[in-house]
Amino acid sequence: KDIEFIESYYFNKLEDTRFSSSVGKFVGFTERGVKYAAAWNNNPSILSAMRAQKEVYCLNHVQIKHDNAL
């Protein structure tokens, strides 16, 4: 429950757009980012692929990372 997958997109050192698994969709932070987020949120294949990343990446690697940290 405490794991969150976040993927951020930057342009000129400013965060344009972010996908967060806790929100479940893209959020735009700039004018351009809002446009990107709207387009990506309207594409079900992109959204389902990003939502699956929490399980694919985070849940499969959390035990390894935790053990290495200890």
Protein backbone atom coordinates (compact mmCIF):
# COMPACT_ATOMS: atom_id res chain seq x y z
CA LYS A 1 0.00 0.00 0.00
CA ASP A 2 2.89 2.35 0.71
CA ILE A 3 4.53 1.98 -2.69
CA GLU A 4 3.94 4.62 -5.34
CA PHE A 5 5.20 4.61 -8.93
CA ILE A 6 6.00 8.09 -10.25
CA GLU A 7 7.29 8.95 -13.71
CA SER A 8 8.06 12.60 -14.42
CA TYR A 9 8.78 14.33 -17.71
CA TYR A 10 10.95 17.44 -17.79
CA PHE A 11 11.73 20.14 -20.34
CA ASN A 12 14.39 22.80 -19.67
CA LYS A 13 14.75 21.57 -16.08
CA LEU A 14 11.03 22.15 -15.38
CA GLU A 15 8.66 19.31 -14.67
CA ASP A 16 6.04 19.32 -17.43
CA THR A 17 4.03 16.22 -16.68
CA ARG A 18 3.90 13.49 -14.04
CA PHE A 19 2.21 10.11 -13.79
CA SER A 20 1.55 8.93 -10.26
CA SER A 21 0.14 5.51 -9.49
CA SER A 22 -1.72 6.90 -6.48
CA VAL A 23 -3.56 9.39 -8.72
CA GLY A 24 -3.83 6.91 -11.60
CA LYS A 25 -3.44 9.48 -14.35
CA PHE A 26 -1.10 12.10 -15.77
CA VAL A 27 -1.01 15.60 -14.29
CA GLY A 28 0.40 18.61 -16.14
CA PHE A 29 2.30 21.40 -14.40
CA THR A 30 3.00 23.71 -17.34
CA GLU A 31 0.87 24.84 -20.26
CA ARG A 32 2.53 22.26 -22.49
CA GLY A 33 2.34 19.61 -19.74
CA VAL A 34 -1.40 20.08 -19.32
CA LYS A 35 -1.85 19.43 -23.05
CA TYR A 36 0.33 16.30 -22.90
CA ALA A 37 -1.50 15.03 -19.82
CA ALA A 38 -4.91 15.53 -21.43
CA ALA A 39 -3.85 13.63 -24.55
CA TRP A 40 -2.26 10.76 -22.61
CA ASN A 41 -5.19 10.51 -20.20
CA ASN A 42 -7.54 10.12 -23.17
CA ASN A 43 -5.55 7.14 -24.47
CA PRO A 44 -6.64 3.98 -22.57
CA SER A 45 -3.63 1.94 -23.73
CA ILE A 46 -1.15 4.48 -22.36
CA LEU A 47 -3.02 4.74 -19.05
CA SER A 48 -3.28 0.97 -18.59
CA ALA A 49 0.43 0.54 -19.40
CA MET A 50 1.42 3.20 -16.86
CA ARG A 51 -0.90 1.80 -14.19
CA ALA A 52 0.70 -1.62 -14.66
CA GLN A 53 4.18 -0.21 -14.02
CA LYS A 54 3.67 -0.20 -10.25
CA GLU A 55 3.26 -3.96 -10.25
CA VAL A 56 5.82 -4.63 -12.99
CA TYR A 57 8.60 -2.48 -11.62
CA CYS A 58 7.96 -1.57 -7.98
CA LEU A 59 6.42 -4.71 -6.54
CA ASN A 60 8.95 -6.98 -8.27
CA HIS A 61 11.95 -5.01 -7.00
CA VAL A 62 10.94 -3.76 -3.56
CA GLN A 63 12.17 -6.81 -1.65
CA ILE A 64 15.56 -6.74 -3.39
CA LYS A 65 16.01 -3.01 -2.73
CA HIS A 66 14.88 -3.40 0.88
CA ASP A 67 17.30 -6.26 1.53
CA ASN A 68 20.18 -4.33 -0.04
CA ALA A 69 19.44 -1.29 2.13
CA LEU A 70 19.63 -3.35 5.29
